[in-house]
Amino acid sequence: MMVEAKKIAFQDRYELLGDPEYIDFDLEKLFAVESINSRRSRIDMSKANTSAVRYNQEGSDTTYFLTADRDGNAVSWIQSVFHGFGASWAIPGTGIIMNNRLTGFSLDPKSPNFIAPGRRPAHTLNAWIATHSDGSLAHVGGTPGANIQVQTNFQLITNAIDLSLLPQENAEAPRWQHLNGPSYSDAEENFDGVLQIEGRVSQEILTELRNRGHEVQELPPFGHGSSVQLLSTTESGSFVLGSDPRTEGQAAGF
């Protein structure tokens, strides 16, 4: 279900996402019940949607960290240079490295993400904080990973809220990623996608997914392209932390 929802969301992203100061777009209409129901009706639990999906360009060279203090203030922080070519210039005296996220623009004049002076490009960066209904801190998380980012965060939030996994359990849990095509390919190309899953899941699950029409590739046990860092709060207000074993990282408190 999550993979099929991802396909629909990524198609929406390609067709709708652009600088909101330059496009006529109603976010409330997109999230309205009628809109959500129309998209939900396109998910068939008996078979995979194998229609070709157009996609935005991906990036690389991203880092993520989070931090929180004893008062419940938290920061979820992500930064990306994108592609190395044309980037990596530092602003003198600041330590701030420039990026070349302008390569995330589309060259299609019909695209809401069409390149133009003064516009901000669509990009893959997303970092999140979840709060309780009273506004107090509940969860913090994020990861590098280009177009895999939002798919990973989708799984992390579901694991934390619906399955009550602790941060380290969540960071180590088997993970999937649905790829629309080779990284950095022409954004005008169409791909029906491949579903990659870490090999720690049962073969019965992989076989069933193939039977429903997914093109499944088995990844190494910890071969998913994410580098997750997580924090959750307890009822007493203390923090529980987790760091992804797939990459360099550390969870620490003091």
C-alpha atoms as a PDB file:
ATOM      1  CA  MET A   1       0.000   0.000   0.000  1.00  0.00           C
ATOM      2  CA  MET A   2       2.811   2.406   0.866  1.00  0.00           C
ATOM      3  CA  VAL A   3       4.617   1.723  -2.425  1.00  0.00           C
ATOM      4  CA  GLU A   4       1.438   2.328  -4.413  1.00  0.00           C
ATOM      5  CA  ALA A   5       0.757   5.555  -2.498  1.00  0.00           C
ATOM      6  CA  LYS A   6       4.321   6.648  -3.224  1.00  0.00           C
ATOM      7  CA  LYS A   7       3.793   6.210  -6.976  1.00  0.00           C
ATOM      8  CA  ILE A   8       0.703   8.440  -6.925  1.00  0.00           C
ATOM      9  CA  ALA A   9       2.399  11.076  -4.763  1.00  0.00           C
ATOM     10  CA  PHE A  10       5.466  11.221  -7.012  1.00  0.00           C
ATOM     11  CA  GLN A  11       3.262  11.679 -10.079  1.00  0.00           C
ATOM     12  CA  ASP A  12       1.526  14.562  -8.272  1.00  0.00           C
ATOM     13  CA  ARG A  13       4.915  16.019  -7.442  1.00  0.00           C
ATOM     14  CA  TYR A  14       6.002  15.984 -11.067  1.00  0.00           C
ATOM     15  CA  GLU A  15       2.759  17.568 -12.283  1.00  0.00           C
ATOM     16  CA  LEU A  16       2.152  20.100  -9.480  1.00  0.00           C
ATOM     17  CA  LEU A  17       5.331  21.038  -7.634  1.00  0.00           C
ATOM     18  CA  GLY A  18       6.919  24.407  -8.272  1.00  0.00           C
ATOM     19  CA  ASP A  19       7.762  27.655  -6.501  1.00  0.00           C
ATOM     20  CA  PRO A  20       4.427  28.671  -4.867  1.00  0.00           C
ATOM     21  CA  GLU A  21       5.184  32.343  -5.504  1.00  0.00           C
ATOM     22  CA  TYR A  22       5.066  31.708  -9.249  1.00  0.00           C
ATOM     23  CA  ILE A  23       2.427  29.024  -9.797  1.00  0.00           C
ATOM     24  CA  ASP A  24      -1.319  28.978  -9.192  1.00  0.00           C
ATOM     25  CA  PHE A  25      -1.664  26.076  -6.803  1.00  0.00           C
ATOM     26  CA  ASP A  26      -4.172  25.347  -4.036  1.00  0.00           C
ATOM     27  CA  LEU A  27      -2.616  23.086  -1.398  1.00  0.00           C
ATOM     28  CA  GLU A  28      -5.888  22.827   0.540  1.00  0.00           C
ATOM     29  CA  LYS A  29      -7.598  21.485  -2.581  1.00  0.00           C
ATOM     30  CA  LEU A  30      -4.898  18.812  -2.969  1.00  0.00           C
ATOM     31  CA  PHE A  31      -5.378  17.665   0.647  1.00  0.00           C
ATOM     32  CA  ALA A  32      -9.200  17.862   0.561  1.00  0.00           C
ATOM     33  CA  VAL A  33     -11.144  14.670   1.306  1.00  0.00           C
ATOM     34  CA  GLU A  34     -12.381  14.433  -2.287  1.00  0.00           C
ATOM     35  CA  SER A  35      -8.829  14.677  -3.619  1.00  0.00           C
ATOM     36  CA  ILE A  36      -7.487  12.075  -1.193  1.00  0.00           C
ATOM     37  CA  ASN A  37     -10.372   9.686  -1.947  1.00  0.00           C
ATOM     38  CA  SER A  38      -9.793   9.976  -5.692  1.00  0.00           C
ATOM     39  CA  ARG A  39      -6.170   8.982  -5.223  1.00  0.00           C
ATOM     40  CA  ARG A  40      -6.990   6.223  -2.757  1.00  0.00           C
ATOM     41  CA  SER A  41      -9.393   4.703  -5.295  1.00  0.00           C
ATOM     42  CA  ARG A  42      -6.453   4.246  -7.706  1.00  0.00           C
ATOM     43  CA  ILE A  43      -4.734   1.787  -5.356  1.00  0.00           C
ATOM     44  CA  ASP A  44      -5.498  -1.851  -6.158  1.00  0.00           C
ATOM     45  CA  MET A  45      -4.284  -4.098  -3.350  1.00  0.00           C
ATOM     46  CA  SER A  46      -4.393  -7.154  -5.639  1.00  0.00           C
ATOM     47  CA  LYS A  47      -1.937  -5.832  -8.242  1.00  0.00           C
ATOM     48  CA  ALA A  48       0.796  -3.249  -8.649  1.00  0.00           C
ATOM     49  CA  ASN A  49       0.374  -0.129 -10.731  1.00  0.00           C
ATOM     50  CA  THR A  50       2.910  -0.613 -13.530  1.00  0.00           C
ATOM     51  CA  SER A  51       2.116   2.567 -15.441  1.00  0.00           C
ATOM     52  CA  ALA A  52       5.138   4.648 -16.358  1.00  0.00           C
ATOM     53  CA  VAL A  53       5.831   7.493 -13.919  1.00  0.00           C
ATOM     54  CA  ARG A  54       7.629  10.731 -14.775  1.00  0.00           C
ATOM     55  CA  TYR A  55       9.967  11.980 -12.095  1.00  0.00           C
ATOM     56  CA  ASN A  56      12.041  14.911 -10.957  1.00  0.00           C
ATOM     57  CA  GLN A  57      15.817  14.810 -10.853  1.00  0.00           C
ATOM     58  CA  GLU A  58      17.612  13.509  -7.806  1.00  0.00           C
ATOM     59  CA  GLY A  59      20.608  14.824  -5.909  1.00  0.00           C
ATOM     60  CA  SER A  60      23.521  13.673  -3.798  1.00  0.00           C
ATOM     61  CA  ASP A  61      26.058  14.775  -1.195  1.00  0.00           C
ATOM     62  CA  THR A  62      23.518  15.348   1.574  1.00  0.00           C
ATOM     63  CA  THR A  63      23.971  15.239   5.344  1.00  0.00           C
ATOM     64  CA  TYR A  64      21.429  15.179   8.182  1.00  0.00           C
ATOM     65  CA  PHE A  65      21.507  15.630  11.957  1.00  0.00           C
ATOM     66  CA  LEU A  66      19.085  16.406  14.777  1.00  0.00           C
ATOM     67  CA  THR A  67      19.468  17.869  18.238  1.00  0.00           C
ATOM     68  CA  ALA A  68      17.196  18.672  21.177  1.00  0.00           C
ATOM     69  CA  ASP A  69      17.551  20.276  24.608  1.00  0.00           C
ATOM     70  CA  ARG A  70      16.049  19.548  28.015  1.00  0.00           C
ATOM     71  CA  ASP A  71      13.209  22.016  27.418  1.00  0.00           C
ATOM     72  CA  GLY A  72      11.922  20.124  24.398  1.00  0.00           C
ATOM     73  CA  ASN A  73      13.314  22.482  21.775  1.00  0.00           C
ATOM     74  CA  ALA A  74      14.498  20.498  18.756  1.00  0.00           C
ATOM     75  CA  VAL A  75      16.151  21.033  15.394  1.00  0.00           C
ATOM     76  CA  SER A  76      15.794  18.701  12.397  1.00  0.00           C
ATOM     77  CA  TRP A  77      18.529  19.817   9.985  1.00  0.00           C
ATOM     78  CA  ILE A  78      19.421  18.753   6.452  1.00  0.00           C
ATOM     79  CA  GLN A  79      21.837  20.217   3.924  1.00  0.00           C
ATOM     80  CA  SER A  80      22.805  19.143   0.416  1.00  0.00           C
ATOM     81  CA  VAL A  81      25.474  20.254  -2.019  1.00  0.00           C
ATOM     82  CA  PHE A  82      23.555  18.308  -4.731  1.00  0.00           C
ATOM     83  CA  HIS A  83      26.001  17.424  -7.535  1.00  0.00           C
ATOM     84  CA  GLY A  84      29.670  18.169  -6.991  1.00  0.00           C
ATOM     85  CA  PHE A  85      30.146  19.827 -10.381  1.00  0.00           C
ATOM     86  CA  GLY A  86      29.502  23.559 -10.112  1.00  0.00           C
ATOM     87  CA  ALA A  87      29.143  23.483  -6.336  1.00  0.00           C
ATOM     88  CA  SER A  88      31.413  23.320  -3.294  1.00  0.00           C
ATOM     89  CA  TRP A  89      32.183  27.040  -3.300  1.00  0.00           C
ATOM     90  CA  ALA A  90      32.421  28.531   0.189  1.00  0.00           C
ATOM     91  CA  ILE A  91      31.310  32.082   0.986  1.00  0.00           C
ATOM     92  CA  PRO A  92      34.468  33.741   2.356  1.00  0.00           C
ATOM     93  CA  GLY A  93      34.480  34.165   6.121  1.00  0.00           C
ATOM     94  CA  THR A  94      31.280  32.179   6.705  1.00  0.00           C
ATOM     95  CA  GLY A  95      32.048  28.488   6.248  1.00  0.00           C
ATOM     96  CA  ILE A  96      28.816  28.210   4.230  1.00  0.00           C
ATOM     97  CA  ILE A  97      29.162  25.964   1.174  1.00  0.00           C
ATOM     98  CA  MET A  98      27.054  26.846  -1.861  1.00  0.00           C
ATOM     99  CA  ASN A  99      25.072  24.192  -3.719  1.00  0.00           C
ATOM    100  CA  ASN A 100      23.852  23.800  -7.278  1.00  0.00           C
ATOM    101  CA  ARG A 101      20.235  22.917  -6.624  1.00  0.00           C
ATOM    102  CA  LEU A 102      19.322  24.890  -9.748  1.00  0.00           C
ATOM    103  CA  THR A 103      19.907  21.620 -11.598  1.00  0.00           C
ATOM    104  CA  GLY A 104      16.630  20.454 -10.038  1.00  0.00           C
ATOM    105  CA  PHE A 105      14.667  22.706 -12.410  1.00  0.00           C
ATOM    106  CA  SER A 106      12.826  21.336 -15.437  1.00  0.00           C
ATOM    107  CA  LEU A 107      13.576  22.548 -18.966  1.00  0.00           C
ATOM    108  CA  ASP A 108       9.989  21.829 -20.056  1.00  0.00           C
ATOM    109  CA  PRO A 109       8.121  25.176 -20.394  1.00  0.00           C
ATOM    110  CA  LYS A 110       4.891  23.390 -19.440  1.00  0.00           C
ATOM    111  CA  SER A 111       6.298  22.199 -16.117  1.00  0.00           C
ATOM    112  CA  PRO A 112       5.409  24.074 -12.894  1.00  0.00           C
ATOM    113  CA  ASN A 113       9.089  23.582 -12.062  1.00  0.00           C
ATOM    114  CA  PHE A 114      10.335  25.320 -15.238  1.00  0.00           C
ATOM    115  CA  ILE A 115      13.576  27.234 -14.773  1.00  0.00           C
ATOM    116  CA  ALA A 116      13.191  31.030 -14.631  1.00  0.00           C
ATOM    117  CA  PRO A 117      14.921  33.981 -12.911  1.00  0.00           C
ATOM    118  CA  GLY A 118      14.080  34.373  -9.226  1.00  0.00           C
ATOM    119  CA  ARG A 119      12.377  31.005  -8.887  1.00  0.00           C
ATOM    120  CA  ARG A 120      13.194  28.309  -6.363  1.00  0.00           C
ATOM    121  CA  PRO A 121      13.642  24.787  -7.780  1.00  0.00           C
ATOM    122  CA  ALA A 122      11.798  21.703  -6.644  1.00  0.00           C
ATOM    123  CA  HIS A 123      14.102  19.488  -4.574  1.00  0.00           C
ATOM    124  CA  THR A 124      14.148  16.333  -2.506  1.00  0.00           C
ATOM    125  CA  LEU A 125      15.175  17.773   0.875  1.00  0.00           C
ATOM    126  CA  ASN A 126      12.793  17.049   3.736  1.00  0.00           C
ATOM    127  CA  ALA A 127      13.348  16.835   7.479  1.00  0.00           C
ATOM    128  CA  TRP A 128      10.583  16.436  10.023  1.00  0.00           C
ATOM    129  CA  ILE A 129       9.429  16.965  13.603  1.00  0.00           C
ATOM    130  CA  ALA A 130       6.249  15.428  15.032  1.00  0.00           C
ATOM    131  CA  THR A 131       4.502  16.849  18.096  1.00  0.00           C
ATOM    132  CA  HIS A 132       1.761  15.711  20.442  1.00  0.00           C
ATOM    133  CA  SER A 133      -1.651  17.404  20.277  1.00  0.00           C
ATOM    134  CA  ASP A 134      -0.533  19.859  22.983  1.00  0.00           C
ATOM    135  CA  GLY A 135       2.458  20.904  20.879  1.00  0.00           C
ATOM    136  CA  SER A 136       5.085  19.093  22.952  1.00  0.00           C
ATOM    137  CA  LEU A 137       7.857  17.195  21.209  1.00  0.00           C
ATOM    138  CA  ALA A 138       7.143  13.587  20.176  1.00  0.00           C
ATOM    139  CA  HIS A 139       9.516  12.512  17.386  1.00  0.00           C
ATOM    140  CA  VAL A 140      12.342  13.962  15.294  1.00  0.00           C
ATOM    141  CA  GLY A 141      13.947  12.347  12.286  1.00  0.00           C
ATOM    142  CA  GLY A 142      15.442  12.521   8.856  1.00  0.00           C
ATOM    143  CA  THR A 143      17.896  11.066   6.381  1.00  0.00           C
ATOM    144  CA  PRO A 144      19.886  11.840   3.261  1.00  0.00           C
ATOM    145  CA  GLY A 145      18.951   9.869   0.156  1.00  0.00           C
ATOM    146  CA  ALA A 146      17.668  11.993  -2.758  1.00  0.00           C
ATOM    147  CA  ASN A 147      14.228  10.732  -3.841  1.00  0.00           C
ATOM    148  CA  ILE A 148      14.550   7.958  -1.271  1.00  0.00           C
ATOM    149  CA  GLN A 149      14.316  10.549   1.537  1.00  0.00           C
ATOM    150  CA  VAL A 150      10.564  11.003   1.576  1.00  0.00           C
ATOM    151  CA  GLN A 151      10.015   7.250   1.149  1.00  0.00           C
ATOM    152  CA  THR A 152      12.271   6.556   4.121  1.00  0.00           C
ATOM    153  CA  ASN A 153      10.602   9.201   6.287  1.00  0.00           C
ATOM    154  CA  PHE A 154       7.201   7.752   5.347  1.00  0.00           C
ATOM    155  CA  GLN A 155       8.358   4.395   6.753  1.00  0.00           C
ATOM    156  CA  LEU A 156      10.016   5.922   9.826  1.00  0.00           C
ATOM    157  CA  ILE A 157       6.923   7.878  10.861  1.00  0.00           C
ATOM    158  CA  THR A 158       4.665   4.864  10.278  1.00  0.00           C
ATOM    159  CA  ASN A 159       6.998   2.644  12.324  1.00  0.00           C
ATOM    160  CA  ALA A 160       7.195   5.173  15.169  1.00  0.00           C
ATOM    161  CA  ILE A 161       3.507   6.081  15.427  1.00  0.00           C
ATOM    162  CA  ASP A 162       1.611   3.013  14.193  1.00  0.00           C
ATOM    163  CA  LEU A 163       4.046   0.266  15.244  1.00  0.00           C
ATOM    164  CA  SER A 164       5.567   2.008  18.316  1.00  0.00           C
ATOM    165  CA  LEU A 165       9.123   1.057  17.365  1.00  0.00           C
ATOM    166  CA  LEU A 166      11.868   2.598  19.479  1.00  0.00           C
ATOM    167  CA  PRO A 167      14.288   4.814  17.526  1.00  0.00           C
ATOM    168  CA  GLN A 168      17.096   2.244  17.251  1.00  0.00           C
ATOM    169  CA  GLU A 169      14.621  -0.497  16.316  1.00  0.00           C
ATOM    170  CA  ASN A 170      13.189   1.862  13.736  1.00  0.00           C
ATOM    171  CA  ALA A 171      16.603   2.781  12.327  1.00  0.00           C
ATOM    172  CA  GLU A 172      17.553  -0.875  11.931  1.00  0.00           C
ATOM    173  CA  ALA A 173      14.212  -2.165  10.599  1.00  0.00           C
ATOM    174  CA  PRO A 174      14.203  -3.610   7.042  1.00  0.00           C
ATOM    175  CA  ARG A 175      13.369  -0.941   4.495  1.00  0.00           C
ATOM    176  CA  TRP A 176      12.152  -0.612   0.903  1.00  0.00           C
ATOM    177  CA  GLN A 177      12.764   1.988  -1.799  1.00  0.00           C
ATOM    178  CA  HIS A 178      10.913   2.387  -5.088  1.00  0.00           C
ATOM    179  CA  LEU A 179      13.073   3.854  -7.846  1.00  0.00           C
ATOM    180  CA  ASN A 180      11.618   5.415 -10.977  1.00  0.00           C
ATOM    181  CA  GLY A 181      14.753   5.008 -13.029  1.00  0.00           C
ATOM    182  CA  PRO A 182      18.525   5.421 -13.093  1.00  0.00           C
ATOM    183  CA  SER A 183      19.772   8.279 -10.927  1.00  0.00           C
ATOM    184  CA  TYR A 184      20.309  11.587 -12.691  1.00  0.00           C
ATOM    185  CA  SER A 185      18.484  10.530 -15.867  1.00  0.00           C
ATOM    186  CA  ASP A 186      16.675  12.963 -18.138  1.00  0.00           C
ATOM    187  CA  ALA A 187      13.560  14.120 -16.259  1.00  0.00           C
ATOM    188  CA  GLU A 188      11.512  13.685 -19.440  1.00  0.00           C
ATOM    189  CA  GLU A 189      12.000   9.931 -19.540  1.00  0.00           C
ATOM    190  CA  ASN A 190       9.365   7.477 -18.284  1.00  0.00           C
ATOM    191  CA  PHE A 191      10.052   4.440 -16.079  1.00  0.00           C
ATOM    192  CA  ASP A 192       7.630   2.009 -14.483  1.00  0.00           C
ATOM    193  CA  GLY A 193      10.018   1.603 -11.566  1.00  0.00           C
ATOM    194  CA  VAL A 194      11.672  -1.109  -9.534  1.00  0.00           C
ATOM    195  CA  LEU A 195      10.936  -1.993  -5.903  1.00  0.00           C
ATOM    196  CA  GLN A 196      14.116  -2.653  -3.927  1.00  0.00           C
ATOM    197  CA  ILE A 197      13.841  -4.330  -0.502  1.00  0.00           C
ATOM    198  CA  GLU A 198      16.471  -5.347   2.009  1.00  0.00           C
ATOM    199  CA  GLY A 199      16.945  -9.097   2.011  1.00  0.00           C
ATOM    200  CA  ARG A 200      16.118  -9.518   5.692  1.00  0.00           C
ATOM    201  CA  VAL A 201      12.403  -9.833   4.891  1.00  0.00           C
ATOM    202  CA  SER A 202      10.963 -13.279   4.211  1.00  0.00           C
ATOM    203  CA  GLN A 203      11.058 -14.788   0.737  1.00  0.00           C
ATOM    204  CA  GLU A 204       7.294 -15.275   1.026  1.00  0.00           C
ATOM    205  CA  ILE A 205       6.846 -11.494   1.128  1.00  0.00           C
ATOM    206  CA  LEU A 206       9.115 -10.984  -1.897  1.00  0.00           C
ATOM    207  CA  THR A 207       7.312 -13.722  -3.840  1.00  0.00           C
ATOM    208  CA  GLU A 208       3.892 -12.269  -3.032  1.00  0.00           C
ATOM    209  CA  LEU A 209       4.981  -8.807  -4.168  1.00  0.00           C
ATOM    210  CA  ARG A 210       6.236 -10.258  -7.457  1.00  0.00           C
ATOM    211  CA  ASN A 211       2.951 -12.143  -7.873  1.00  0.00           C
ATOM    212  CA  ARG A 212       1.125  -8.823  -7.572  1.00  0.00           C
ATOM    213  CA  GLY A 213       3.179  -7.337 -10.385  1.00  0.00           C
ATOM    214  CA  HIS A 214       6.027  -5.525  -8.638  1.00  0.00           C
ATOM    215  CA  GLU A 215       9.476  -5.715 -10.185  1.00  0.00           C
ATOM    216  CA  VAL A 216      11.373  -6.636  -7.015  1.00  0.00           C
ATOM    217  CA  GLN A 217      15.115  -6.463  -6.476  1.00  0.00           C
ATOM    218  CA  GLU A 218      16.622  -7.813  -3.263  1.00  0.00           C
ATOM    219  CA  LEU A 219      19.145  -5.518  -1.588  1.00  0.00           C
ATOM    220  CA  PRO A 220      21.909  -6.624   0.808  1.00  0.00           C
ATOM    221  CA  PRO A 221      20.710  -6.970   4.429  1.00  0.00           C
ATOM    222  CA  PHE A 222      21.553  -3.322   5.208  1.00  0.00           C
ATOM    223  CA  GLY A 223      21.798  -2.079   1.622  1.00  0.00           C
ATOM    224  CA  HIS A 224      19.039   0.547   1.641  1.00  0.00           C
ATOM    225  CA  GLY A 225      20.141   4.015   0.560  1.00  0.00           C
ATOM    226  CA  SER A 226      19.333   5.860   3.775  1.00  0.00           C
ATOM    227  CA  SER A 227      21.275   7.198   6.749  1.00  0.00           C
ATOM    228  CA  VAL A 228      18.631   7.647   9.424  1.00  0.00           C
ATOM    229  CA  GLN A 229      18.939   9.573  12.695  1.00  0.00           C
ATOM    230  CA  LEU A 230      15.969   9.485  15.097  1.00  0.00           C
ATOM    231  CA  LEU A 231      14.718  10.796  18.445  1.00  0.00           C
ATOM    232  CA  SER A 232      11.553  10.019  20.411  1.00  0.00           C
ATOM    233  CA  THR A 233      10.326  11.288  23.775  1.00  0.00           C
ATOM    234  CA  THR A 234       8.995   9.195  26.654  1.00  0.00           C
ATOM    235  CA  GLU A 235       6.080   9.975  28.980  1.00  0.00           C
ATOM    236  CA  SER A 236       8.604  11.185  31.552  1.00  0.00           C
ATOM    237  CA  GLY A 237      10.067  13.655  29.060  1.00  0.00           C
ATOM    238  CA  SER A 238      13.375  11.881  28.522  1.00  0.00           C
ATOM    239  CA  PHE A 239      14.799  11.204  25.065  1.00  0.00           C
ATOM    240  CA  VAL A 240      15.397   7.914  23.266  1.00  0.00           C
ATOM    241  CA  LEU A 241      17.818   8.086  20.322  1.00  0.00           C
ATOM    242  CA  GLY A 242      18.710   5.945  17.334  1.00  0.00           C
ATOM    243  CA  SER A 243      21.397   6.044  14.628  1.00  0.00           C
ATOM    244  CA  ASP A 244      21.464   4.115  11.364  1.00  0.00           C
ATOM    245  CA  PRO A 245      23.990   1.238  11.158  1.00  0.00           C
ATOM    246  CA  ARG A 246      24.005   1.650   7.358  1.00  0.00           C
ATOM    247  CA  THR A 247      26.295   4.657   7.613  1.00  0.00           C
ATOM    248  CA  GLU A 248      28.601   6.601   9.875  1.00  0.00           C
ATOM    249  CA  GLY A 249      26.600   8.179  12.682  1.00  0.00           C
ATOM    250  CA  GLN A 250      26.224   8.419  16.447  1.00  0.00           C
ATOM    251  CA  ALA A 251      23.494   8.960  19.005  1.00  0.00           C
ATOM    252  CA  ALA A 252      24.718  10.784  22.106  1.00  0.00           C
ATOM    253  CA  GLY A 253      23.336  12.646  25.123  1.00  0.00           C
ATOM    254  CA  PHE A 254      24.959  14.819  27.760  1.00  0.00           C
END
